[in-house]
Amino acid sequence: MLKVLLMTSLFLFAVSIAIFLYRFVKGPSIPDRIIAMDAIGISLIAMMAILSILLKTYAFFDVILLFGILSFVGTVAFSKFIERGVVVDYERDR
């Protein structure tokens, strides 16, 4: 029973990633695309966690943590780029 539920959830996450990819490509604005990219990252993290449960291994946990950190940093960098036009500010106001 648990295996069926986990496989169903993997399928539903795959469908949601397909929907997010559509939003990423056709998004009417840049913030919509950033939100779609972040949602894709979260869905991939969830899929890796479910796959880890299905395979009964702890090997994916480090990958999940790394992917979560990279997803967060990417979202912050894109948001900062939209707001200021640059990711790294070399000139500081003193």
N, C-alpha and C. Protein backbone atom coordinates (compact mmCIF):
# COMPACT_ATOMS: atom_id res chain seq x y z
N MET A 1 0.82 -1.19 0.00
CA MET A 1 0.00 0.00 0.00
C MET A 1 0.87 1.26 0.00
N LEU A 2 1.91 1.27 0.83
CA LEU A 2 2.79 2.43 0.90
C LEU A 2 3.51 2.64 -0.43
N LYS A 3 3.91 1.55 -1.06
CA LYS A 3 4.61 1.66 -2.34
C LYS A 3 3.72 2.27 -3.41
N VAL A 4 2.45 1.91 -3.41
CA VAL A 4 1.51 2.47 -4.38
C VAL A 4 1.34 3.97 -4.14
N LEU A 5 1.23 4.37 -2.89
CA LEU A 5 1.09 5.79 -2.57
C LEU A 5 2.33 6.58 -2.96
N LEU A 6 3.49 6.01 -2.72
CA LEU A 6 4.73 6.70 -3.08
C LEU A 6 4.88 6.81 -4.59
N MET A 7 4.54 5.77 -5.32
CA MET A 7 4.61 5.82 -6.77
C MET A 7 3.61 6.83 -7.34
N THR A 8 2.42 6.88 -6.75
CA THR A 8 1.42 7.86 -7.18
C THR A 8 1.90 9.27 -6.92
N SER A 9 2.51 9.49 -5.77
CA SER A 9 3.01 10.83 -5.47
C SER A 9 4.16 11.21 -6.41
N LEU A 10 5.01 10.25 -6.77
CA LEU A 10 6.06 10.53 -7.75
C LEU A 10 5.46 10.96 -9.09
N PHE A 11 4.42 10.26 -9.51
CA PHE A 11 3.75 10.62 -10.77
C PHE A 11 3.14 12.01 -10.69
N LEU A 12 2.49 12.33 -9.57
CA LEU A 12 1.87 13.65 -9.43
C LEU A 12 2.91 14.76 -9.37
N PHE A 13 4.04 14.50 -8.74
CA PHE A 13 5.11 15.49 -8.75
C PHE A 13 5.67 15.68 -10.15
N ALA A 14 5.76 14.60 -10.92
CA ALA A 14 6.24 14.72 -12.30
C ALA A 14 5.26 15.56 -13.14
N VAL A 15 3.98 15.37 -12.92
CA VAL A 15 2.97 16.18 -13.62
C VAL A 15 3.09 17.64 -13.22
N SER A 16 3.29 17.88 -11.92
CA SER A 16 3.42 19.27 -11.47
C SER A 16 4.67 19.92 -12.04
N ILE A 17 5.75 19.17 -12.18
CA ILE A 17 6.96 19.72 -12.79
C ILE A 17 6.71 20.08 -14.25
N ALA A 18 5.93 19.25 -14.95
CA ALA A 18 5.59 19.58 -16.34
C ALA A 18 4.78 20.88 -16.41
N ILE A 19 3.86 21.07 -15.48
CA ILE A 19 3.07 22.30 -15.44
C ILE A 19 3.96 23.49 -15.12
N PHE A 20 4.88 23.32 -14.18
CA PHE A 20 5.79 24.41 -13.83
C PHE A 20 6.72 24.74 -15.00
N LEU A 21 7.14 23.73 -15.75
CA LEU A 21 7.97 23.99 -16.93
C LEU A 21 7.21 24.81 -17.97
N TYR A 22 5.92 24.53 -18.13
CA TYR A 22 5.09 25.33 -19.03
C TYR A 22 5.04 26.78 -18.56
N ARG A 23 4.86 26.97 -17.25
CA ARG A 23 4.83 28.33 -16.69
C ARG A 23 6.19 29.01 -16.84
N PHE A 24 7.25 28.23 -16.72
CA PHE A 24 8.59 28.80 -16.88
C PHE A 24 8.82 29.28 -18.31
N VAL A 25 8.34 28.53 -19.29
CA VAL A 25 8.54 28.89 -20.68
C VAL A 25 7.58 30.00 -21.11
N LYS A 26 6.31 29.89 -20.75
CA LYS A 26 5.29 30.82 -21.22
C LYS A 26 4.96 31.93 -20.23
N GLY A 27 5.68 31.98 -19.11
CA GLY A 27 5.36 32.96 -18.07
C GLY A 27 5.22 34.37 -18.61
N PRO A 28 4.18 35.07 -18.21
CA PRO A 28 4.00 36.42 -18.74
C PRO A 28 5.04 37.41 -18.24
N SER A 29 5.67 37.11 -17.12
CA SER A 29 6.66 38.05 -16.59
C SER A 29 7.83 37.27 -15.99
N ILE A 30 8.91 37.99 -15.74
CA ILE A 30 10.10 37.38 -15.16
C ILE A 30 9.84 36.84 -13.75
N PRO A 31 9.12 37.57 -12.87
CA PRO A 31 8.85 36.99 -11.54
C PRO A 31 8.07 35.68 -11.59
N ASP A 32 7.16 35.54 -12.56
CA ASP A 32 6.45 34.27 -12.72
C ASP A 32 7.41 33.14 -13.07
N ARG A 33 8.38 33.44 -13.88
CA ARG A 33 9.36 32.42 -14.26
C ARG A 33 10.26 32.05 -13.08
N ILE A 34 10.59 33.02 -12.26
CA ILE A 34 11.41 32.73 -11.08
C ILE A 34 10.64 31.85 -10.10
N ILE A 35 9.38 32.16 -9.89
CA ILE A 35 8.55 31.35 -8.99
C ILE A 35 8.41 29.94 -9.54
N ALA A 36 8.24 29.80 -10.85
CA ALA A 36 8.14 28.47 -11.46
C ALA A 36 9.44 27.69 -11.28
N MET A 37 10.57 28.38 -11.45
CA MET A 37 11.86 27.71 -11.26
C MET A 37 12.04 27.24 -9.82
N ASP A 38 11.62 28.07 -8.86
CA ASP A 38 11.71 27.69 -7.46
C ASP A 38 10.78 26.50 -7.16
N ALA A 39 9.59 26.52 -7.74
CA ALA A 39 8.66 25.41 -7.53
C ALA A 39 9.19 24.11 -8.14
N ILE A 40 9.86 24.21 -9.27
CA ILE A 40 10.49 23.03 -9.88
C ILE A 40 11.55 22.46 -8.94
N GLY A 41 12.35 23.33 -8.35
CA GLY A 41 13.37 22.88 -7.41
C GLY A 41 12.78 22.19 -6.20
N ILE A 42 11.71 22.76 -5.65
CA ILE A 42 11.06 22.15 -4.49
C ILE A 42 10.46 20.80 -4.85
N SER A 43 9.85 20.71 -6.03
CA SER A 43 9.27 19.44 -6.46
C SER A 43 10.34 18.38 -6.69
N LEU A 44 11.48 18.79 -7.24
CA LEU A 44 12.57 17.83 -7.42
C LEU A 44 13.12 17.34 -6.09
N ILE A 45 13.19 18.23 -5.11
CA ILE A 45 13.63 17.82 -3.77
C ILE A 45 12.66 16.80 -3.19
N ALA A 46 11.37 17.06 -3.34
CA ALA A 46 10.36 16.12 -2.83
C ALA A 46 10.45 14.78 -3.56
N MET A 47 10.68 14.81 -4.87
CA MET A 47 10.79 13.56 -5.62
C MET A 47 12.02 12.76 -5.19
N MET A 48 13.12 13.45 -4.93
CA MET A 48 14.32 12.74 -4.45
C MET A 48 14.08 12.13 -3.08
N ALA A 49 13.35 12.82 -2.22
CA ALA A 49 13.05 12.27 -0.89
C ALA A 49 12.17 11.03 -1.01
N ILE A 50 11.16 11.08 -1.87
CA ILE A 50 10.28 9.93 -2.06
C ILE A 50 11.06 8.77 -2.67
N LEU A 51 11.92 9.06 -3.62
CA LEU A 51 12.75 8.01 -4.22
C LEU A 51 13.68 7.39 -3.19
N SER A 52 14.18 8.20 -2.28
CA SER A 52 15.03 7.69 -1.21
C SER A 52 14.25 6.73 -0.30
N ILE A 53 13.00 7.06 -0.04
CA ILE A 53 12.16 6.17 0.77
C ILE A 53 11.88 4.88 0.02
N LEU A 54 11.58 4.99 -1.27
CA LEU A 54 11.30 3.79 -2.07
C LEU A 54 12.50 2.85 -2.15
N LEU A 55 13.68 3.42 -2.31
CA LEU A 55 14.89 2.60 -2.44
C LEU A 55 15.50 2.21 -1.11
N LYS A 56 14.94 2.74 -0.02
CA LYS A 56 15.41 2.46 1.34
C LYS A 56 16.90 2.75 1.49
N THR A 57 17.27 3.96 1.11
CA THR A 57 18.67 4.37 1.20
C THR A 57 18.75 5.81 1.72
N TYR A 58 19.87 6.11 2.34
CA TYR A 58 20.11 7.46 2.85
C TYR A 58 21.02 8.24 1.91
N ALA A 59 21.37 7.67 0.79
CA ALA A 59 22.36 8.28 -0.11
C ALA A 59 21.87 9.60 -0.71
N PHE A 60 20.56 9.76 -0.85
CA PHE A 60 20.04 10.96 -1.50
C PHE A 60 19.93 12.16 -0.56
N PHE A 61 20.09 11.96 0.73
CA PHE A 61 19.87 13.06 1.67
C PHE A 61 20.89 14.18 1.49
N ASP A 62 22.13 13.84 1.22
CA ASP A 62 23.14 14.87 0.97
C ASP A 62 22.83 15.62 -0.32
N VAL A 63 22.37 14.90 -1.33
CA VAL A 63 22.01 15.53 -2.59
C VAL A 63 20.80 16.45 -2.40
N ILE A 64 19.84 16.02 -1.59
CA ILE A 64 18.67 16.84 -1.31
C ILE A 64 19.08 18.14 -0.63
N LEU A 65 19.95 18.05 0.35
CA LEU A 65 20.41 19.24 1.06
C LEU A 65 21.15 20.19 0.12
N LEU A 66 22.04 19.66 -0.69
CA LEU A 66 22.79 20.48 -1.64
C LEU A 66 21.87 21.12 -2.66
N PHE A 67 20.92 20.36 -3.17
CA PHE A 67 19.99 20.89 -4.16
C PHE A 67 19.10 21.98 -3.56
N GLY A 68 18.71 21.81 -2.32
CA GLY A 68 17.91 22.84 -1.64
C GLY A 68 18.68 24.13 -1.46
N ILE A 69 19.94 24.02 -1.08
CA ILE A 69 20.77 25.22 -0.91
C ILE A 69 20.97 25.92 -2.25
N LEU A 70 21.27 25.15 -3.30
CA LEU A 70 21.48 25.76 -4.62
C LEU A 70 20.20 26.39 -5.16
N SER A 71 19.07 25.76 -4.90
CA SER A 71 17.79 26.32 -5.33
C SER A 71 17.51 27.65 -4.63
N PHE A 72 17.78 27.71 -3.35
CA PHE A 72 17.57 28.94 -2.58
C PHE A 72 18.49 30.05 -3.08
N VAL A 73 19.77 29.74 -3.26
CA VAL A 73 20.72 30.75 -3.71
C VAL A 73 20.37 31.23 -5.12
N GLY A 74 19.94 30.33 -5.97
CA GLY A 74 19.53 30.73 -7.32
C GLY A 74 18.33 31.65 -7.32
N THR A 75 17.35 31.35 -6.48
CA THR A 75 16.17 32.20 -6.38
C THR A 75 16.53 33.58 -5.86
N VAL A 76 17.37 33.65 -4.85
CA VAL A 76 17.80 34.94 -4.31
C VAL A 76 18.59 35.72 -5.36
N ALA A 77 19.47 35.05 -6.09
CA ALA A 77 20.27 35.74 -7.10
C ALA A 77 19.40 36.30 -8.23
N PHE A 78 18.44 35.51 -8.71
CA PHE A 78 17.55 36.00 -9.76
C PHE A 78 16.69 37.16 -9.27
N SER A 79 16.22 37.06 -8.04
CA SER A 79 15.40 38.15 -7.48
C SER A 79 16.22 39.43 -7.35
N LYS A 80 17.46 39.29 -6.91
CA LYS A 80 18.33 40.46 -6.78
C LYS A 80 18.64 41.05 -8.15
N PHE A 81 18.81 40.20 -9.15
CA PHE A 81 19.06 40.67 -10.50
C PHE A 81 17.87 41.45 -11.04
N ILE A 82 16.68 40.99 -10.76
CA ILE A 82 15.48 41.70 -11.21
C ILE A 82 15.37 43.05 -10.52
N GLU A 83 15.66 43.08 -9.24
CA GLU A 83 15.50 44.31 -8.47
C GLU A 83 16.54 45.36 -8.84
N ARG A 84 17.81 44.97 -8.93
CA ARG A 84 18.89 45.95 -9.11
C ARG A 84 19.57 45.90 -10.47
N GLY A 85 19.40 44.82 -11.20
CA GLY A 85 20.07 44.70 -12.49
C GLY A 85 21.43 44.02 -12.41
N VAL A 86 21.95 43.80 -11.21
CA VAL A 86 23.21 43.09 -11.00
C VAL A 86 23.02 42.13 -9.84
N VAL A 87 23.82 41.09 -9.82
CA VAL A 87 23.73 40.12 -8.73
C VAL A 87 24.65 40.52 -7.58
N VAL A 88 25.88 40.92 -7.92
CA VAL A 88 26.86 41.29 -6.90
C VAL A 88 27.11 42.79 -7.00
N ASP A 89 26.94 43.49 -5.89
CA ASP A 89 27.19 44.93 -5.83
C ASP A 89 28.63 45.16 -5.38
N TYR A 90 29.44 45.72 -6.25
CA TYR A 90 30.82 45.99 -5.88
C TYR A 90 30.99 47.34 -5.20
N GLU A 91 30.09 48.27 -5.48
CA GLU A 91 30.15 49.59 -4.86
C GLU A 91 29.19 49.63 -3.69
N ARG A 92 29.71 50.03 -2.55
CA ARG A 92 28.87 50.12 -1.36
C ARG A 92 28.71 51.58 -0.98
N ASP A 93 27.54 51.91 -0.47
CA ASP A 93 27.31 53.26 0.03
C ASP A 93 27.90 53.35 1.42
N ARG A 94 28.75 54.35 1.64
CA ARG A 94 29.38 54.47 2.95
C ARG A 94 28.95 55.72 3.64
